[in-house]
């Protein structure tokens, strides 16, 4: 079994990775979950594949479990679905000694984690990510949220899990589009912190080659995130580097009604756009955009997506906005990111200058 420790004073937890770990989940969780009830939040894609397997493991370790299923997709990450989960949890008799287990991808992790953070003013929860994107990124660090009409992840909290359990083998059942979307986040980590990882991905070039090395790649991404979260738990400094490609990516997601593009596709286009804007700002070397775009194309990801100026005006309500300024993450070189603070109006001018508006 491979492991990493996230060291946050009073909120420490382990990230554990092993093929078949779902069958040992109950035994691994018993030391950190004292209650008798474990509520499994999952979605309609994951439930038939893994929910009963997890429930059996919990039962063997003395837990009672209940499964709450939401429709798969970003459209479930809403206040309305959150309210339904709260009511269902209360109907199950959830108490403050019990726990919520988020079994699924990024949507389930964000939604289930936010439900856990807010029900009864906070109960224990565990992340059990089943997508590449969730394993390398969203399951670690304690960001939980739902979307609002105004934009993505605008209502949320910082709430750390008690443990993260990862089984790299579950990625073999992942649809091709979801795997590609997860690769966008893997590539992001190479862009912002590890040029050697970026080069390795260029050499691998296929899902099959990545899967042969999946556990090491996943843990490297988690280790980068662990380091940044330990430096900056609440996303006011170093952790903001993780937003590379996301500022514009969230615009693309919203422009597509959270249905046309999955998160990784939007982030992919957002990274190429960020490299172009970084070049206009005099921060990013000119050849960087082409190299990022080439790697994204290798893994079947888009390098541009349509959005209108009106769509980009939502940047004024981005989580990274403060007054009339916004923190934009640019690359000073592959493997090194830095924050650039600029007026939102100036960013909009650069977006037009870069030809990103349709």
Protein backbone atom coordinates (compact mmCIF):
# COMPACT_ATOMS: atom_id res chain seq x y z
CA UNK A 1 0.00 0.00 0.00
CA UNK A 2 1.24 3.49 -0.88
CA UNK A 3 0.49 6.42 1.40
CA UNK A 4 0.93 10.16 1.89
CA UNK A 5 0.24 12.17 5.03
CA UNK A 6 -1.41 15.58 4.83
CA UNK A 7 -0.05 17.46 7.84
CA UNK A 8 -2.49 20.15 8.91
CA UNK A 9 -2.38 20.79 12.68
CA UNK A 10 -5.41 19.07 14.23
CA UNK A 11 -6.74 18.00 10.83
CA UNK A 12 -4.11 15.49 9.68
CA UNK A 13 -5.15 12.64 7.41
CA UNK A 14 -3.74 9.90 5.23
CA UNK A 15 -4.09 9.34 1.50
CA UNK A 16 -3.95 5.58 0.93
CA UNK A 17 -3.64 3.93 -2.48
CA UNK A 18 -3.81 0.23 -3.29
CA UNK A 19 -5.49 -1.97 -5.90
CA UNK A 20 -8.59 -3.50 -4.32
CA UNK A 21 -8.64 -1.07 -1.40
CA UNK A 22 -12.46 -0.91 -1.51
CA UNK A 23 -12.57 -4.41 -0.03
CA UNK A 24 -10.50 -3.24 2.94
CA UNK A 25 -12.20 0.13 3.39
CA UNK A 26 -14.13 -0.83 6.52
CA UNK A 27 -11.06 -2.04 8.38
CA UNK A 28 -9.02 1.01 7.33
CA UNK A 29 -11.75 3.45 8.32
CA UNK A 30 -12.72 1.94 11.67
CA UNK A 31 -9.85 3.64 13.58
CA UNK A 32 -10.86 7.13 12.36
CA UNK A 33 -14.66 6.77 12.31
CA UNK A 34 -16.10 6.00 15.77
CA UNK A 35 -19.79 6.02 14.82
CA UNK A 36 -21.98 3.16 13.65
CA UNK A 37 -23.60 4.74 10.55
CA UNK A 38 -21.73 5.45 7.31
CA UNK A 39 -23.78 7.26 4.67
CA UNK A 40 -22.42 6.57 1.19
CA UNK A 41 -23.06 9.44 -1.23
CA UNK A 42 -22.55 8.32 -4.82
CA UNK A 43 -23.96 8.87 -8.30
CA UNK A 44 -25.94 6.87 -10.82
CA UNK A 45 -22.81 5.82 -12.75
CA UNK A 46 -20.78 4.64 -9.78
CA UNK A 47 -23.53 3.11 -7.63
CA UNK A 48 -24.00 -0.09 -9.69
CA UNK A 49 -20.25 -0.60 -9.99
CA UNK A 50 -18.87 -0.06 -6.49
CA UNK A 51 -21.44 0.98 -3.85
CA UNK A 52 -22.46 -2.52 -2.73
CA UNK A 53 -18.82 -3.62 -2.63
CA UNK A 54 -18.02 -0.73 -0.30
CA UNK A 55 -21.11 -1.43 1.82
CA UNK A 56 -20.06 -5.07 2.30
CA UNK A 57 -16.62 -3.98 3.45
CA UNK A 58 -18.17 -1.56 5.94
CA UNK A 59 -20.50 -4.24 7.29
CA UNK A 60 -17.59 -6.58 7.98
CA UNK A 61 -16.10 -3.89 10.23
CA UNK A 62 -19.28 -3.22 12.18
CA UNK A 63 -20.72 -0.26 10.28
CA UNK A 64 -24.30 0.11 9.19
CA UNK A 65 -24.44 1.87 5.83
CA UNK A 66 -26.98 3.57 3.62
CA UNK A 67 -26.54 4.59 -0.01
CA UNK A 68 -27.73 7.98 -1.26
CA UNK A 69 -27.57 8.24 -5.04
CA UNK A 70 -27.63 11.45 -7.08
CA UNK A 71 -27.80 11.74 -10.88
CA UNK A 72 -24.35 11.68 -12.49
CA UNK A 73 -23.01 14.98 -13.79
CA UNK A 74 -22.29 18.57 -12.79
CA UNK A 75 -26.03 19.33 -12.86
CA UNK A 76 -26.31 17.55 -9.49
CA UNK A 77 -23.91 19.95 -7.79
CA UNK A 78 -26.64 22.40 -6.81
CA UNK A 79 -28.18 23.78 -3.61
CA UNK A 80 -31.39 21.89 -4.43
CA UNK A 81 -29.64 18.51 -4.47
CA UNK A 82 -27.70 19.48 -1.35
CA UNK A 83 -30.98 20.23 0.47
CA UNK A 84 -32.30 16.80 -0.54
CA UNK A 85 -29.19 15.11 0.83
CA UNK A 86 -29.56 16.96 4.15
CA UNK A 87 -33.16 15.78 4.52
CA UNK A 88 -32.29 12.20 3.56
CA UNK A 89 -29.45 12.15 6.08
CA UNK A 90 -31.75 13.33 8.82
CA UNK A 91 -34.31 10.69 7.84
CA UNK A 92 -31.57 8.06 8.27
CA UNK A 93 -30.93 9.23 11.81
CA UNK A 94 -27.43 10.58 11.16
CA UNK A 95 -25.71 11.83 14.33
CA UNK A 96 -22.52 13.79 14.91
CA UNK A 97 -20.56 10.62 15.64
CA UNK A 98 -21.46 9.17 12.21
CA UNK A 99 -19.84 9.79 8.86
CA UNK A 100 -20.39 10.57 5.18
CA UNK A 101 -18.41 8.67 2.53
CA UNK A 102 -18.13 10.34 -0.89
CA UNK A 103 -17.79 7.54 -3.44
CA UNK A 104 -17.39 8.90 -6.96
CA UNK A 105 -15.81 11.65 -8.99
CA UNK A 106 -15.31 15.34 -8.36
CA UNK A 107 -19.01 16.19 -8.31
CA UNK A 108 -19.77 13.58 -5.66
CA UNK A 109 -16.72 14.56 -3.64
CA UNK A 110 -17.62 18.25 -3.67
CA UNK A 111 -21.31 17.66 -3.01
CA UNK A 112 -20.94 14.92 -0.41
CA UNK A 113 -18.14 16.79 1.31
CA UNK A 114 -20.18 20.00 1.52
CA UNK A 115 -23.14 18.04 2.88
CA UNK A 116 -20.84 16.58 5.56
CA UNK A 117 -19.38 20.01 6.36
CA UNK A 118 -22.78 21.53 6.95
CA UNK A 119 -25.15 18.84 8.26
CA UNK A 120 -25.32 19.00 12.07
CA UNK A 121 -22.66 21.72 11.75
CA UNK A 122 -20.17 19.17 10.52
CA UNK A 123 -19.72 15.40 10.63
CA UNK A 124 -16.72 13.27 9.67
CA UNK A 125 -16.30 12.40 6.04
CA UNK A 126 -14.07 10.33 3.78
CA UNK A 127 -13.17 10.76 0.12
CA UNK A 128 -13.20 7.59 -2.00
CA UNK A 129 -12.52 8.95 -5.51
CA UNK A 130 -13.30 6.76 -8.52
CA UNK A 131 -12.22 9.05 -11.38
CA UNK A 132 -8.73 10.11 -12.42
CA UNK A 133 -9.61 13.77 -11.92
CA UNK A 134 -10.82 13.16 -8.37
CA UNK A 135 -7.87 10.92 -7.48
CA UNK A 136 -5.21 13.38 -8.61
CA UNK A 137 -6.92 16.57 -7.51
CA UNK A 138 -10.38 17.19 -6.06
CA UNK A 139 -10.38 14.53 -3.32
CA UNK A 140 -7.37 16.10 -1.59
CA UNK A 141 -7.28 19.44 0.18
CA UNK A 142 -10.74 19.86 1.66
CA UNK A 143 -12.39 22.14 -0.90
CA UNK A 144 -16.10 21.27 -0.99
CA UNK A 145 -18.79 23.23 -2.78
CA UNK A 146 -21.87 23.51 -4.95
CA UNK A 147 -22.47 25.67 -8.02
CA UNK A 148 -24.71 28.72 -8.19
CA UNK A 149 -26.36 30.44 -11.13
CA UNK A 150 -23.59 33.03 -10.91
CA UNK A 151 -20.81 30.48 -11.36
CA UNK A 152 -19.00 27.31 -10.35
CA UNK A 153 -18.16 26.41 -6.74
CA UNK A 154 -19.35 29.75 -5.37
CA UNK A 155 -20.95 28.27 -2.22
CA UNK A 156 -18.62 26.04 -0.29
CA UNK A 157 -16.21 25.47 2.57
CA UNK A 158 -12.74 24.25 3.48
CA UNK A 159 -13.41 20.99 5.29
CA UNK A 160 -10.76 18.30 5.43
CA UNK A 161 -11.63 14.59 5.10
CA UNK A 162 -10.60 12.04 7.73
CA UNK A 163 -9.03 9.84 5.05
CA UNK A 164 -8.73 9.47 1.28
CA UNK A 165 -8.89 5.94 -0.16
CA UNK A 166 -7.82 5.40 -3.76
CA UNK A 167 -7.98 2.27 -5.89
CA UNK A 168 -6.16 2.84 -9.21
CA UNK A 169 -7.84 -0.27 -10.63
CA UNK A 170 -11.27 1.40 -10.70
CA UNK A 171 -9.94 3.69 -13.42
CA UNK A 172 -10.13 0.76 -15.83
CA UNK A 173 -13.94 1.12 -15.86
CA UNK A 174 -13.72 4.87 -16.51
CA UNK A 175 -15.24 6.02 -19.83
CA UNK A 176 -12.68 7.36 -22.27
CA UNK A 177 -13.98 10.93 -22.05
CA UNK A 178 -13.71 10.94 -18.26
CA UNK A 179 -10.18 9.54 -18.40
CA UNK A 180 -9.16 12.26 -20.84
CA UNK A 181 -10.71 14.88 -18.58
CA UNK A 182 -8.65 13.60 -15.66
CA UNK A 183 -5.50 13.83 -17.75
CA UNK A 184 -6.03 17.60 -17.99
CA UNK A 185 -5.48 17.85 -14.23
CA UNK A 186 -2.44 15.56 -14.41
CA UNK A 187 -0.97 17.79 -17.13
CA UNK A 188 -1.74 20.83 -14.97
CA UNK A 189 0.51 19.49 -12.22
CA UNK A 190 3.34 19.12 -14.69
CA UNK A 191 2.78 22.67 -15.87
CA UNK A 192 2.80 24.31 -12.47
CA UNK A 193 5.30 22.25 -10.44
CA UNK A 194 7.03 19.37 -12.21
CA UNK A 195 8.56 19.77 -15.66
CA UNK A 196 9.86 16.18 -15.45
CA UNK A 197 6.30 14.92 -15.03
CA UNK A 198 5.26 16.96 -18.08
CA UNK A 199 8.07 15.40 -20.11
CA UNK A 200 7.13 11.92 -18.88
CA UNK A 201 3.56 12.44 -20.09
CA UNK A 202 4.87 13.55 -23.48
CA UNK A 203 6.85 10.29 -23.68
CA UNK A 204 3.94 8.09 -22.54
CA UNK A 205 1.35 9.53 -24.87
CA UNK A 206 -1.50 7.05 -24.34
CA UNK A 207 -4.01 5.83 -21.78
CA UNK A 208 -2.47 2.36 -21.78
CA UNK A 209 1.00 3.69 -21.00
CA UNK A 210 -0.34 5.98 -18.28
CA UNK A 211 -2.31 3.15 -16.66
CA UNK A 212 0.86 1.06 -16.39
CA UNK A 213 2.27 3.80 -14.17
CA UNK A 214 -1.00 5.13 -12.78
CA UNK A 215 -0.31 4.78 -9.06
CA UNK A 216 3.01 6.63 -9.24
CA UNK A 217 1.58 9.41 -11.40
CA UNK A 218 -1.46 9.83 -9.14
CA UNK A 219 0.63 9.95 -5.98
CA UNK A 220 3.03 12.48 -7.51
CA UNK A 221 0.10 14.80 -8.27
CA UNK A 222 -1.31 14.27 -4.77
CA UNK A 223 2.10 15.00 -3.25
CA UNK A 224 2.30 18.32 -5.10
CA UNK A 225 -1.17 19.23 -3.88
CA UNK A 226 -0.36 18.07 -0.34
CA UNK A 227 2.66 20.37 -0.29
CA UNK A 228 0.67 23.39 -1.46
CA UNK A 229 -2.26 22.69 0.88
CA UNK A 230 0.08 22.39 3.86
CA UNK A 231 1.55 25.79 2.96
CA UNK A 232 -1.82 27.43 2.34
CA UNK A 233 -4.93 25.53 3.44
CA UNK A 234 -7.41 28.28 2.64
CA UNK A 235 -6.28 29.27 -0.86
CA UNK A 236 -4.87 32.73 -0.24
CA UNK A 237 -1.27 32.13 -1.32
CA UNK A 238 0.66 29.16 -2.69
CA UNK A 239 -2.44 26.99 -3.14
CA UNK A 240 -3.76 29.44 -5.71
CA UNK A 241 -1.22 28.02 -8.16
CA UNK A 242 -3.54 25.01 -8.48
CA UNK A 243 -5.97 27.31 -10.29
CA UNK A 244 -3.83 27.39 -13.42
CA UNK A 245 -6.24 26.95 -16.33
CA UNK A 246 -9.26 26.99 -14.02
CA UNK A 247 -10.06 30.71 -14.02
CA UNK A 248 -10.94 30.60 -17.71
CA UNK A 249 -11.93 26.94 -17.57
CA UNK A 250 -14.81 27.76 -15.25
CA UNK A 251 -15.98 30.36 -17.76
CA UNK A 252 -16.06 27.69 -20.47
CA UNK A 253 -17.98 25.31 -18.21
CA UNK A 254 -20.60 27.92 -17.41
CA UNK A 255 -20.84 28.99 -21.08
CA UNK A 256 -21.64 25.37 -21.89
CA UNK A 257 -24.35 25.19 -19.26
CA UNK A 258 -22.28 22.74 -17.20
CA UNK A 259 -23.38 20.08 -19.67
CA UNK A 260 -21.58 20.63 -22.99
CA UNK A 261 -18.03 20.28 -21.60
CA UNK A 262 -16.77 18.25 -18.67
CA UNK A 263 -14.45 19.92 -16.19
CA UNK A 264 -11.23 18.54 -17.63
CA UNK A 265 -12.09 19.64 -21.15
CA UNK A 266 -12.75 23.17 -19.91
CA UNK A 267 -9.51 23.20 -17.89
CA UNK A 268 -7.55 21.98 -20.93
CA UNK A 269 -8.75 24.90 -23.03
CA UNK A 270 -8.23 27.17 -20.03
CA UNK A 271 -4.55 26.17 -19.75
CA UNK A 272 -3.84 26.96 -23.39
CA UNK A 273 -5.64 30.29 -23.00
CA UNK A 274 -3.69 31.00 -19.80
CA UNK A 275 -0.39 30.33 -21.57
CA UNK A 276 -1.40 32.76 -24.33
CA UNK A 277 -2.42 35.43 -21.84
CA UNK A 278 0.77 34.83 -19.87
CA UNK A 279 2.76 35.51 -23.04
CA UNK A 280 0.88 38.79 -23.57
CA UNK A 281 1.66 39.72 -19.97
CA UNK A 282 5.36 39.12 -20.63
CA UNK A 283 5.52 36.26 -18.11
CA UNK A 284 5.22 33.05 -20.15
CA UNK A 285 7.79 32.02 -22.80
CA UNK A 286 6.32 32.07 -26.34
CA UNK A 287 6.85 28.33 -27.01
CA UNK A 288 4.94 27.23 -23.91
CA UNK A 289 1.45 27.45 -25.42
CA UNK A 290 2.34 25.19 -28.35
CA UNK A 291 3.92 22.55 -26.13
CA UNK A 292 0.93 22.43 -23.77
CA UNK A 293 -1.49 22.29 -26.71
CA UNK A 294 0.43 19.43 -28.32
CA UNK A 295 0.31 17.32 -25.14
CA UNK A 296 -3.39 18.01 -24.66
CA UNK A 297 -4.10 16.94 -28.24
CA UNK A 298 -2.14 13.73 -27.64
CA UNK A 299 -4.66 12.81 -24.95
CA UNK A 300 -7.67 13.89 -27.03
CA UNK A 301 -8.38 17.12 -25.15
CA UNK A 302 -9.59 20.41 -26.66
CA UNK A 303 -7.18 23.31 -26.90
CA UNK A 304 -9.86 25.96 -27.39
CA UNK A 305 -13.55 26.36 -26.62
CA UNK A 306 -16.04 29.07 -27.59
CA UNK A 307 -17.07 31.82 -25.18
CA UNK A 308 -18.41 35.33 -25.62
CA UNK A 309 -17.13 38.47 -23.94
CA UNK A 310 -20.33 38.40 -21.88
CA UNK A 311 -19.32 34.98 -20.58
CA UNK A 312 -15.88 36.25 -19.57
CA UNK A 313 -17.43 39.16 -17.69
CA UNK A 314 -18.39 36.58 -15.03
CA UNK A 315 -14.71 36.72 -13.98
CA UNK A 316 -15.69 39.69 -11.81
CA UNK A 317 -17.54 37.18 -9.60
CA UNK A 318 -14.78 34.57 -9.60
CA UNK A 319 -13.65 33.29 -6.17
CA UNK A 320 -10.19 34.73 -6.88
CA UNK A 321 -11.57 38.22 -7.50
CA UNK A 322 -11.11 40.90 -4.86
CA UNK A 323 -12.75 44.24 -5.50
CA UNK A 324 -11.91 45.15 -9.08
CA UNK A 325 -8.83 42.92 -9.29
CA UNK A 326 -8.27 39.21 -9.83
CA UNK A 327 -5.40 36.78 -9.29
CA UNK A 328 -4.45 35.13 -12.56
CA UNK A 329 -2.05 32.16 -12.57
CA UNK A 330 0.61 32.27 -15.28
CA UNK A 331 3.63 30.09 -16.09
CA UNK A 332 7.09 31.63 -15.93
CA UNK A 333 8.28 28.34 -17.46
CA UNK A 334 6.98 24.80 -17.70
CA UNK A 335 7.06 23.47 -14.15
CA UNK A 336 6.87 26.89 -12.51
CA UNK A 337 3.72 28.95 -11.97
CA UNK A 338 3.28 32.35 -10.39
CA UNK A 339 0.32 34.54 -9.45
CA UNK A 340 -0.26 37.78 -11.33
CA UNK A 341 -2.58 40.34 -9.77
CA UNK A 342 -4.31 42.58 -12.30
CA UNK A 343 -7.51 44.53 -12.73
CA UNK A 344 -10.39 42.42 -14.01
CA UNK A 345 -11.00 45.00 -16.76
CA UNK A 346 -7.40 44.58 -17.91
CA UNK A 347 -7.79 40.80 -18.02
CA UNK A 348 -10.88 41.22 -20.18
CA UNK A 349 -8.89 43.46 -22.54
CA UNK A 350 -6.17 40.81 -22.79
CA UNK A 351 -8.76 38.11 -23.46
CA UNK A 352 -10.04 40.14 -26.43
CA UNK A 353 -6.49 40.87 -27.59
CA UNK A 354 -5.68 37.16 -27.46
CA UNK A 355 -8.66 36.36 -29.70
CA UNK A 356 -10.38 34.21 -27.07
CA UNK A 357 -13.84 35.80 -27.49
CA UNK A 358 -16.19 34.40 -30.12
